[in-house]
C-alpha atoms as a PDB file:
ATOM      1  CA  UNK A   1     217.413 264.594  -5.968  1.00  0.00           C
ATOM      2  CA  UNK A   2     214.089 262.605  -5.378  1.00  0.00           C
ATOM      3  CA  UNK A   3     211.864 263.027  -2.434  1.00  0.00           C
ATOM      4  CA  UNK A   4     213.502 260.688   0.070  1.00  0.00           C
ATOM      5  CA  UNK A   5     217.035 262.132  -0.623  1.00  0.00           C
ATOM      6  CA  UNK A   6     218.447 259.677  -2.754  1.00  0.00           C
ATOM      7  CA  UNK A   7     219.996 260.527  -6.295  1.00  0.00           C
ATOM      8  CA  UNK A   8     217.914 259.114  -9.407  1.00  0.00           C
ATOM      9  CA  UNK A   9     220.960 257.637 -11.019  1.00  0.00           C
ATOM     10  CA  UNK A  10     220.887 260.075 -14.063  1.00  0.00           C
ATOM     11  CA  UNK A  11     221.893 264.133 -13.475  1.00  0.00           C
ATOM     12  CA  UNK A  12     221.250 266.654 -16.055  1.00  0.00           C
ATOM     13  CA  UNK A  13     224.215 267.833 -18.264  1.00  0.00           C
ATOM     14  CA  UNK A  14     222.435 271.192 -19.180  1.00  0.00           C
ATOM     15  CA  UNK A  15     224.389 273.671 -16.861  1.00  0.00           C
ATOM     16  CA  UNK A  16     227.577 273.075 -18.712  1.00  0.00           C
ATOM     17  CA  UNK A  17     226.128 272.228 -22.286  1.00  0.00           C
ATOM     18  CA  UNK A  18     225.552 275.507 -24.550  1.00  0.00           C
ATOM     19  CA  UNK A  19     226.346 275.865 -27.960  1.00  0.00           C
ATOM     20  CA  UNK A  20     226.478 279.131 -29.836  1.00  0.00           C
ATOM     21  CA  UNK A  21     224.412 277.847 -32.744  1.00  0.00           C
ATOM     22  CA  UNK A  22     221.864 274.490 -32.693  1.00  0.00           C
ATOM     23  CA  UNK A  23     222.596 271.828 -34.781  1.00  0.00           C
ATOM     24  CA  UNK A  24     220.288 269.833 -36.686  1.00  0.00           C
ATOM     25  CA  UNK A  25     218.439 267.478 -34.661  1.00  0.00           C
ATOM     26  CA  UNK A  26     215.646 264.427 -35.161  1.00  0.00           C
ATOM     27  CA  UNK A  27     214.283 261.627 -33.887  1.00  0.00           C
ATOM     28  CA  UNK A  28     214.344 258.350 -35.617  1.00  0.00           C
ATOM     29  CA  UNK A  29     212.749 255.022 -34.768  1.00  0.00           C
ATOM     30  CA  UNK A  30     215.856 251.873 -34.617  1.00  0.00           C
ATOM     31  CA  UNK A  31     212.856 249.527 -33.830  1.00  0.00           C
ATOM     32  CA  UNK A  32     209.487 248.692 -33.259  1.00  0.00           C
ATOM     33  CA  UNK A  33     208.822 249.386 -29.592  1.00  0.00           C
ATOM     34  CA  UNK A  34     208.041 252.665 -28.274  1.00  0.00           C
ATOM     35  CA  UNK A  35     211.390 253.074 -26.280  1.00  0.00           C
ATOM     36  CA  UNK A  36     213.482 252.131 -29.497  1.00  0.00           C
ATOM     37  CA  UNK A  37     214.044 255.744 -30.384  1.00  0.00           C
ATOM     38  CA  UNK A  38     217.339 257.809 -31.042  1.00  0.00           C
ATOM     39  CA  UNK A  39     217.923 261.507 -31.229  1.00  0.00           C
ATOM     40  CA  UNK A  40     220.604 262.124 -34.070  1.00  0.00           C
ATOM     41  CA  UNK A  41     222.452 265.483 -33.709  1.00  0.00           C
ATOM     42  CA  UNK A  42     224.322 266.647 -36.838  1.00  0.00           C
ATOM     43  CA  UNK A  43     226.006 269.178 -38.581  1.00  0.00           C
ATOM     44  CA  UNK A  44     225.518 270.293 -42.661  1.00  0.00           C
ATOM     45  CA  UNK A  45     228.753 269.647 -44.626  1.00  0.00           C
ATOM     46  CA  UNK A  46     229.970 270.465 -48.190  1.00  0.00           C
ATOM     47  CA  UNK A  47     229.253 268.207 -50.777  1.00  0.00           C
ATOM     48  CA  UNK A  48     232.567 266.127 -51.069  1.00  0.00           C
ATOM     49  CA  UNK A  49     233.644 266.711 -47.245  1.00  0.00           C
ATOM     50  CA  UNK A  50     234.844 263.649 -45.465  1.00  0.00           C
ATOM     51  CA  UNK A  51     232.957 261.362 -42.982  1.00  0.00           C
ATOM     52  CA  UNK A  52     233.210 262.418 -39.550  1.00  0.00           C
ATOM     53  CA  UNK A  53     233.615 260.298 -36.462  1.00  0.00           C
ATOM     54  CA  UNK A  54     230.438 259.941 -34.680  1.00  0.00           C
ATOM     55  CA  UNK A  55     229.370 259.167 -30.714  1.00  0.00           C
ATOM     56  CA  UNK A  56     226.104 256.713 -29.277  1.00  0.00           C
ATOM     57  CA  UNK A  57     225.174 257.978 -25.827  1.00  0.00           C
ATOM     58  CA  UNK A  58     223.035 255.823 -23.264  1.00  0.00           C
ATOM     59  CA  UNK A  59     221.574 257.444 -20.665  1.00  0.00           C
ATOM     60  CA  UNK A  60     221.805 256.250 -17.001  1.00  0.00           C
ATOM     61  CA  UNK A  61     218.692 255.897 -14.624  1.00  0.00           C
ATOM     62  CA  UNK A  62     219.250 252.269 -13.024  1.00  0.00           C
ATOM     63  CA  UNK A  63     217.477 250.532 -15.869  1.00  0.00           C
ATOM     64  CA  UNK A  64     214.312 251.539 -14.507  1.00  0.00           C
ATOM     65  CA  UNK A  65     214.237 255.265 -16.164  1.00  0.00           C
ATOM     66  CA  UNK A  66     216.156 258.416 -17.518  1.00  0.00           C
ATOM     67  CA  UNK A  67     215.614 259.435 -21.315  1.00  0.00           C
ATOM     68  CA  UNK A  68     217.853 260.335 -23.984  1.00  0.00           C
ATOM     69  CA  UNK A  69     216.895 263.996 -24.095  1.00  0.00           C
ATOM     70  CA  UNK A  70     218.979 264.736 -20.485  1.00  0.00           C
ATOM     71  CA  UNK A  71     221.594 264.872 -23.053  1.00  0.00           C
ATOM     72  CA  UNK A  72     220.820 266.715 -25.560  1.00  0.00           C
ATOM     73  CA  UNK A  73     222.850 269.980 -24.541  1.00  0.00           C
ATOM     74  CA  UNK A  74     226.166 267.489 -24.165  1.00  0.00           C
ATOM     75  CA  UNK A  75     225.480 265.971 -27.549  1.00  0.00           C
ATOM     76  CA  UNK A  76     224.713 269.420 -29.245  1.00  0.00           C
ATOM     77  CA  UNK A  77     228.318 270.487 -27.547  1.00  0.00           C
ATOM     78  CA  UNK A  78     230.100 267.373 -29.271  1.00  0.00           C
ATOM     79  CA  UNK A  79     228.734 268.413 -32.661  1.00  0.00           C
ATOM     80  CA  UNK A  80     231.122 271.365 -32.329  1.00  0.00           C
ATOM     81  CA  UNK A  81     233.894 269.405 -32.105  1.00  0.00           C
ATOM     82  CA  UNK A  82     233.029 267.588 -35.164  1.00  0.00           C
ATOM     83  CA  UNK A  83     231.175 264.478 -34.119  1.00  0.00           C
ATOM     84  CA  UNK A  84     227.904 263.220 -35.266  1.00  0.00           C
ATOM     85  CA  UNK A  85     226.065 262.175 -32.362  1.00  0.00           C
ATOM     86  CA  UNK A  86     223.212 259.821 -31.874  1.00  0.00           C
ATOM     87  CA  UNK A  87     221.375 259.704 -27.974  1.00  0.00           C
ATOM     88  CA  UNK A  88     219.272 256.737 -27.300  1.00  0.00           C
ATOM     89  CA  UNK A  89     216.575 255.185 -25.446  1.00  0.00           C
ATOM     90  CA  UNK A  90     216.129 251.530 -24.549  1.00  0.00           C
ATOM     91  CA  UNK A  91     213.679 249.277 -22.977  1.00  0.00           C
ATOM     92  CA  UNK A  92     213.664 249.715 -19.217  1.00  0.00           C
ATOM     93  CA  UNK A  93     213.352 247.119 -16.695  1.00  0.00           C
ATOM     94  CA  UNK A  94     210.789 245.540 -15.227  1.00  0.00           C
ATOM     95  CA  UNK A  95     209.070 245.518 -18.310  1.00  0.00           C
ATOM     96  CA  UNK A  96     211.993 244.442 -20.376  1.00  0.00           C
ATOM     97  CA  UNK A  97     214.694 242.380 -18.669  1.00  0.00           C
ATOM     98  CA  UNK A  98     217.758 241.608 -19.247  1.00  0.00           C
ATOM     99  CA  UNK A  99     219.955 241.172 -21.990  1.00  0.00           C
ATOM    100  CA  UNK A 100     216.848 243.605 -23.615  1.00  0.00           C
ATOM    101  CA  UNK A 101     218.668 246.426 -22.960  1.00  0.00           C
ATOM    102  CA  UNK A 102     221.987 245.083 -24.386  1.00  0.00           C
ATOM    103  CA  UNK A 103     220.273 244.066 -27.634  1.00  0.00           C
ATOM    104  CA  UNK A 104     218.887 247.731 -27.991  1.00  0.00           C
ATOM    105  CA  UNK A 105     221.920 249.281 -27.607  1.00  0.00           C
ATOM    106  CA  UNK A 106     223.457 246.961 -30.227  1.00  0.00           C
ATOM    107  CA  UNK A 107     220.555 247.747 -32.529  1.00  0.00           C
ATOM    108  CA  UNK A 108     221.079 251.334 -31.809  1.00  0.00           C
ATOM    109  CA  UNK A 109     224.718 250.940 -33.173  1.00  0.00           C
ATOM    110  CA  UNK A 110     223.457 249.158 -35.966  1.00  0.00           C
ATOM    111  CA  UNK A 111     221.005 251.659 -37.215  1.00  0.00           C
ATOM    112  CA  UNK A 112     223.752 254.183 -36.847  1.00  0.00           C
ATOM    113  CA  UNK A 113     225.927 252.401 -38.924  1.00  0.00           C
ATOM    114  CA  UNK A 114     223.638 251.408 -41.879  1.00  0.00           C
ATOM    115  CA  UNK A 115     222.608 255.199 -42.175  1.00  0.00           C
ATOM    116  CA  UNK A 116     226.095 256.509 -42.159  1.00  0.00           C
ATOM    117  CA  UNK A 117     225.699 257.911 -45.379  1.00  0.00           C
ATOM    118  CA  UNK A 118     222.572 260.222 -44.060  1.00  0.00           C
ATOM    119  CA  UNK A 119     224.404 262.410 -41.699  1.00  0.00           C
ATOM    120  CA  UNK A 120     227.927 261.840 -43.548  1.00  0.00           C
ATOM    121  CA  UNK A 121     229.503 259.960 -40.805  1.00  0.00           C
ATOM    122  CA  UNK A 122     232.238 257.183 -40.683  1.00  0.00           C
ATOM    123  CA  UNK A 123     230.728 253.779 -39.517  1.00  0.00           C
ATOM    124  CA  UNK A 124     234.415 252.583 -38.667  1.00  0.00           C
ATOM    125  CA  UNK A 125     234.900 255.750 -36.261  1.00  0.00           C
ATOM    126  CA  UNK A 126     232.385 255.207 -33.514  1.00  0.00           C
ATOM    127  CA  UNK A 127     233.002 255.402 -30.351  1.00  0.00           C
ATOM    128  CA  UNK A 128     230.212 255.009 -27.211  1.00  0.00           C
ATOM    129  CA  UNK A 129     229.750 256.873 -24.236  1.00  0.00           C
ATOM    130  CA  UNK A 130     227.476 256.073 -21.169  1.00  0.00           C
ATOM    131  CA  UNK A 131     226.418 256.974 -17.649  1.00  0.00           C
ATOM    132  CA  UNK A 132     225.552 254.832 -14.908  1.00  0.00           C
ATOM    133  CA  UNK A 133     223.385 252.078 -16.080  1.00  0.00           C
ATOM    134  CA  UNK A 134     224.439 253.592 -19.513  1.00  0.00           C
ATOM    135  CA  UNK A 135     228.124 253.208 -18.525  1.00  0.00           C
ATOM    136  CA  UNK A 136     227.324 249.500 -17.936  1.00  0.00           C
ATOM    137  CA  UNK A 137     225.835 249.226 -21.603  1.00  0.00           C
ATOM    138  CA  UNK A 138     228.338 251.253 -22.779  1.00  0.00           C
ATOM    139  CA  UNK A 139     230.819 248.915 -21.756  1.00  0.00           C
ATOM    140  CA  UNK A 140     229.217 245.991 -23.090  1.00  0.00           C
ATOM    141  CA  UNK A 141     229.085 247.044 -26.303  1.00  0.00           C
ATOM    142  CA  UNK A 142     232.853 247.254 -25.887  1.00  0.00           C
ATOM    143  CA  UNK A 143     233.682 243.813 -24.685  1.00  0.00           C
ATOM    144  CA  UNK A 144     230.233 241.570 -25.622  1.00  0.00           C
ATOM    145  CA  UNK A 145     232.003 239.502 -28.708  1.00  0.00           C
ATOM    146  CA  UNK A 146     234.768 241.244 -30.400  1.00  0.00           C
ATOM    147  CA  UNK A 147     234.159 244.775 -28.888  1.00  0.00           C
ATOM    148  CA  UNK A 148     236.401 246.738 -31.463  1.00  0.00           C
ATOM    149  CA  UNK A 149     234.596 245.283 -34.409  1.00  0.00           C
ATOM    150  CA  UNK A 150     231.442 247.187 -32.779  1.00  0.00           C
ATOM    151  CA  UNK A 151     232.902 250.316 -31.217  1.00  0.00           C
ATOM    152  CA  UNK A 152     236.457 252.034 -31.347  1.00  0.00           C
ATOM    153  CA  UNK A 153     236.346 252.874 -27.821  1.00  0.00           C
ATOM    154  CA  UNK A 154     234.259 253.621 -24.922  1.00  0.00           C
ATOM    155  CA  UNK A 155     233.910 256.396 -22.114  1.00  0.00           C
ATOM    156  CA  UNK A 156     231.919 255.696 -18.937  1.00  0.00           C
ATOM    157  CA  UNK A 157     231.056 257.982 -16.243  1.00  0.00           C
ATOM    158  CA  UNK A 158     230.147 255.953 -12.912  1.00  0.00           C
ATOM    159  CA  UNK A 159     229.464 252.736 -14.842  1.00  0.00           C
ATOM    160  CA  UNK A 160     228.105 249.979 -13.083  1.00  0.00           C
ATOM    161  CA  UNK A 161     230.410 247.433 -14.882  1.00  0.00           C
ATOM    162  CA  UNK A 162     229.384 244.579 -12.383  1.00  0.00           C
ATOM    163  CA  UNK A 163     225.758 244.140 -11.319  1.00  0.00           C
ATOM    164  CA  UNK A 164     226.838 241.342  -9.275  1.00  0.00           C
ATOM    165  CA  UNK A 165     228.991 243.810  -7.139  1.00  0.00           C
ATOM    166  CA  UNK A 166     225.776 246.553  -7.111  1.00  0.00           C
ATOM    167  CA  UNK A 167     223.747 243.942  -5.855  1.00  0.00           C
ATOM    168  CA  UNK A 168     225.886 243.176  -2.919  1.00  0.00           C
ATOM    169  CA  UNK A 169     226.875 246.706  -1.949  1.00  0.00           C
ATOM    170  CA  UNK A 170     223.683 247.574  -1.573  1.00  0.00           C
ATOM    171  CA  UNK A 171     222.598 244.734   0.849  1.00  0.00           C
ATOM    172  CA  UNK A 172     225.325 246.204   3.464  1.00  0.00           C
ATOM    173  CA  UNK A 173     224.258 247.981   6.410  1.00  0.00           C
ATOM    174  CA  UNK A 174     225.820 250.789   5.249  1.00  0.00           C
ATOM    175  CA  UNK A 175     224.444 251.031   1.843  1.00  0.00           C
ATOM    176  CA  UNK A 176     223.273 254.565   1.306  1.00  0.00           C
ATOM    177  CA  UNK A 177     219.351 254.842  -0.051  1.00  0.00           C
ATOM    178  CA  UNK A 178     220.832 255.251  -4.079  1.00  0.00           C
ATOM    179  CA  UNK A 179     223.091 251.943  -3.510  1.00  0.00           C
ATOM    180  CA  UNK A 180     219.883 250.121  -2.063  1.00  0.00           C
ATOM    181  CA  UNK A 181     217.808 251.372  -4.702  1.00  0.00           C
ATOM    182  CA  UNK A 182     220.481 249.849  -7.205  1.00  0.00           C
ATOM    183  CA  UNK A 183     220.476 246.737  -5.557  1.00  0.00           C
ATOM    184  CA  UNK A 184     216.560 246.789  -6.273  1.00  0.00           C
ATOM    185  CA  UNK A 185     217.198 247.765 -10.000  1.00  0.00           C
ATOM    186  CA  UNK A 186     219.526 244.928 -10.331  1.00  0.00           C
ATOM    187  CA  UNK A 187     216.789 242.544  -9.325  1.00  0.00           C
ATOM    188  CA  UNK A 188     214.246 243.718 -11.666  1.00  0.00           C
ATOM    189  CA  UNK A 189     216.878 243.993 -14.412  1.00  0.00           C
ATOM    190  CA  UNK A 190     217.296 240.259 -14.195  1.00  0.00           C
ATOM    191  CA  UNK A 191     213.975 239.527 -13.053  1.00  0.00           C
ATOM    192  CA  UNK A 192     215.127 237.313 -10.257  1.00  0.00           C
ATOM    193  CA  UNK A 193     217.020 238.157  -6.914  1.00  0.00           C
ATOM    194  CA  UNK A 194     220.724 236.874  -7.078  1.00  0.00           C
ATOM    195  CA  UNK A 195     221.317 235.660  -3.621  1.00  0.00           C
ATOM    196  CA  UNK A 196     222.601 232.154  -2.626  1.00  0.00           C
ATOM    197  CA  UNK A 197     219.578 230.587  -3.552  1.00  0.00           C
ATOM    198  CA  UNK A 198     219.245 231.718  -6.922  1.00  0.00           C
ATOM    199  CA  UNK A 199     218.782 229.464  -9.849  1.00  0.00           C
ATOM    200  CA  UNK A 200     221.093 228.466 -12.373  1.00  0.00           C
ATOM    201  CA  UNK A 201     219.515 230.707 -15.035  1.00  0.00           C
ATOM    202  CA  UNK A 202     219.673 233.888 -12.727  1.00  0.00           C
ATOM    203  CA  UNK A 203     223.189 232.986 -12.061  1.00  0.00           C
ATOM    204  CA  UNK A 204     224.025 232.777 -15.653  1.00  0.00           C
ATOM    205  CA  UNK A 205     222.227 236.213 -16.422  1.00  0.00           C
ATOM    206  CA  UNK A 206     224.159 237.812 -13.377  1.00  0.00           C
ATOM    207  CA  UNK A 207     227.209 236.715 -14.861  1.00  0.00           C
ATOM    208  CA  UNK A 208     226.139 237.812 -18.770  1.00  0.00           C
ATOM    209  CA  UNK A 209     225.607 241.159 -17.346  1.00  0.00           C
ATOM    210  CA  UNK A 210     229.044 241.408 -15.472  1.00  0.00           C
ATOM    211  CA  UNK A 211     231.247 243.256 -18.208  1.00  0.00           C
ATOM    212  CA  UNK A 212     234.720 242.066 -16.964  1.00  0.00           C
ATOM    213  CA  UNK A 213     233.261 238.385 -18.107  1.00  0.00           C
ATOM    214  CA  UNK A 214     233.277 239.057 -21.665  1.00  0.00           C
ATOM    215  CA  UNK A 215     236.426 240.878 -21.754  1.00  0.00           C
ATOM    216  CA  UNK A 216     239.128 239.435 -24.372  1.00  0.00           C
ATOM    217  CA  UNK A 217     241.416 240.070 -26.631  1.00  0.00           C
ATOM    218  CA  UNK A 218     240.172 242.620 -29.225  1.00  0.00           C
ATOM    219  CA  UNK A 219     237.619 244.419 -27.291  1.00  0.00           C
ATOM    220  CA  UNK A 220     237.619 248.422 -27.082  1.00  0.00           C
ATOM    221  CA  UNK A 221     239.727 250.758 -25.352  1.00  0.00           C
ATOM    222  CA  UNK A 222     238.076 252.524 -22.439  1.00  0.00           C
ATOM    223  CA  UNK A 223     238.043 255.587 -20.214  1.00  0.00           C
ATOM    224  CA  UNK A 224     236.607 255.087 -16.948  1.00  0.00           C
ATOM    225  CA  UNK A 225     235.715 257.830 -14.712  1.00  0.00           C
ATOM    226  CA  UNK A 226     234.191 258.111 -11.252  1.00  0.00           C
ATOM    227  CA  UNK A 227     234.156 260.960  -8.134  1.00  0.00           C
ATOM    228  CA  UNK A 228     235.673 259.601  -4.668  1.00  0.00           C
ATOM    229  CA  UNK A 229     232.077 259.798  -3.327  1.00  0.00           C
ATOM    230  CA  UNK A 230     230.210 258.332  -6.232  1.00  0.00           C
ATOM    231  CA  UNK A 231     227.627 255.784  -4.707  1.00  0.00           C
ATOM    232  CA  UNK A 232     228.482 253.478  -7.767  1.00  0.00           C
ATOM    233  CA  UNK A 233     232.514 253.078  -6.357  1.00  0.00           C
ATOM    234  CA  UNK A 234     235.571 252.929  -8.779  1.00  0.00           C
ATOM    235  CA  UNK A 235     236.263 249.264  -7.712  1.00  0.00           C
ATOM    236  CA  UNK A 236     233.656 248.547 -10.407  1.00  0.00           C
ATOM    237  CA  UNK A 237     235.805 250.159 -13.074  1.00  0.00           C
ATOM    238  CA  UNK A 238     239.326 248.704 -11.463  1.00  0.00           C
ATOM    239  CA  UNK A 239     237.923 245.537 -11.848  1.00  0.00           C
ATOM    240  CA  UNK A 240     237.020 245.585 -15.528  1.00  0.00           C
ATOM    241  CA  UNK A 241     240.208 248.128 -16.348  1.00  0.00           C
ATOM    242  CA  UNK A 242     242.002 244.903 -14.704  1.00  0.00           C
ATOM    243  CA  UNK A 243     240.389 242.116 -16.727  1.00  0.00           C
ATOM    244  CA  UNK A 244     240.654 244.337 -20.471  1.00  0.00           C
ATOM    245  CA  UNK A 245     244.636 245.064 -19.302  1.00  0.00           C
ATOM    246  CA  UNK A 246     245.238 241.171 -19.005  1.00  0.00           C
ATOM    247  CA  UNK A 247     243.876 240.749 -21.947  1.00  0.00           C
ATOM    248  CA  UNK A 248     245.813 243.618 -24.018  1.00  0.00           C
ATOM    249  CA  UNK A 249     243.375 246.106 -24.511  1.00  0.00           C
ATOM    250  CA  UNK A 250     244.113 249.468 -23.137  1.00  0.00           C
ATOM    251  CA  UNK A 251     241.992 250.344 -20.230  1.00  0.00           C
ATOM    252  CA  UNK A 252     242.384 254.054 -18.288  1.00  0.00           C
ATOM    253  CA  UNK A 253     240.321 254.492 -14.829  1.00  0.00           C
ATOM    254  CA  UNK A 254     240.274 258.071 -13.658  1.00  0.00           C
ATOM    255  CA  UNK A 255     239.305 258.947  -9.943  1.00  0.00           C
ATOM    256  CA  UNK A 256     237.922 262.845  -9.397  1.00  0.00           C
ATOM    257  CA  UNK A 257     237.531 264.939  -6.469  1.00  0.00           C
ATOM    258  CA  UNK A 258     233.861 265.136  -5.189  1.00  0.00           C
ATOM    259  CA  UNK A 259     230.696 262.946  -5.079  1.00  0.00           C
ATOM    260  CA  UNK A 260     228.791 263.712  -8.290  1.00  0.00           C
ATOM    261  CA  UNK A 261     227.483 260.879 -10.404  1.00  0.00           C
ATOM    262  CA  UNK A 262     227.177 260.054 -13.994  1.00  0.00           C
ATOM    263  CA  UNK A 263     226.655 262.812 -16.017  1.00  0.00           C
ATOM    264  CA  UNK A 264     227.497 265.262 -12.749  1.00  0.00           C
ATOM    265  CA  UNK A 265     230.805 264.098 -13.095  1.00  0.00           C
ATOM    266  CA  UNK A 266     230.942 266.696 -16.619  1.00  0.00           C
ATOM    267  CA  UNK A 267     230.775 269.728 -13.814  1.00  0.00           C
ATOM    268  CA  UNK A 268     234.445 269.427 -13.123  1.00  0.00           C
ATOM    269  CA  UNK A 269     236.547 271.790 -15.089  1.00  0.00           C
ATOM    270  CA  UNK A 270     238.830 269.226 -16.672  1.00  0.00           C
ATOM    271  CA  UNK A 271     235.952 266.199 -17.466  1.00  0.00           C
ATOM    272  CA  UNK A 272     234.710 267.458 -20.609  1.00  0.00           C
ATOM    273  CA  UNK A 273     237.970 268.394 -21.962  1.00  0.00           C
ATOM    274  CA  UNK A 274     239.509 264.771 -21.072  1.00  0.00           C
ATOM    275  CA  UNK A 275     236.500 263.033 -22.550  1.00  0.00           C
ATOM    276  CA  UNK A 276     236.522 265.045 -25.772  1.00  0.00           C
ATOM    277  CA  UNK A 277     240.520 264.578 -26.256  1.00  0.00           C
ATOM    278  CA  UNK A 278     240.215 261.070 -25.824  1.00  0.00           C
ATOM    279  CA  UNK A 279     237.482 260.429 -28.380  1.00  0.00           C
ATOM    280  CA  UNK A 280     239.510 262.390 -31.220  1.00  0.00           C
ATOM    281  CA  UNK A 281     242.293 260.324 -30.234  1.00  0.00           C
ATOM    282  CA  UNK A 282     240.386 257.127 -30.688  1.00  0.00           C
ATOM    283  CA  UNK A 283     238.477 258.484 -33.539  1.00  0.00           C
ATOM    284  CA  UNK A 284     240.906 260.033 -35.822  1.00  0.00           C
ATOM    285  CA  UNK A 285     241.690 258.606 -39.232  1.00  0.00           C
ATOM    286  CA  UNK A 286     243.920 255.648 -39.049  1.00  0.00           C
ATOM    287  CA  UNK A 287     244.186 255.193 -35.384  1.00  0.00           C
END
């Protein structure tokens, strides 16, 4: 919790992510900016071993803060399941405005595929996992252009799929401190306030940031999860799933008990097994 009692939009997964033996790990630059860094976790394979599937992780934090290191325990655990894992940082608002964050997610994904041989991963079997604002970016990777050409699947925990909805909810008299902060974060992300008097450029960026606006045939299947008391309501994912389903793309929305947010959902005993089973199904050879 932050001093004023609001959550910071990202939750450490440390408590439930423990592995008996640490994988190899190294940090790489995928761009020139200091924020364009990715941590890679992998396990040594024997010569001639089949390439492994990969998972790209995008952290949350209102697009304003957060760090890839908060996902290292989750990443390490996924390597036990047979995945190569890359956890990426990206340029944050307000220093960088939309679509810089999506551009960075795309660049991190390209870095993963371009260096597939280095970690013996299969560039055709890649999924993305994101939480909160990172979940927003994950759903953008799955919908921007032809999403399935970029990733084979998306898992998003508490994704802010619609910054427009977040901005609206944060302006309600009943808004929580976290929702009010998220409203301000949308303004910082877009570098404009998308109110009734917003200019055309601002409204265009707002529309572009809405993942459902990019939904089309050929996008990546998605698993979207929220708790009942999540300050990013399940309506975000329902809207995106509706647009994907209308385009013939499989999308599953799961509502969980409690009020945890983002990686906090991993505290649920069924959450991690559900994610792993879904990833393995989506990334199995020939699927």
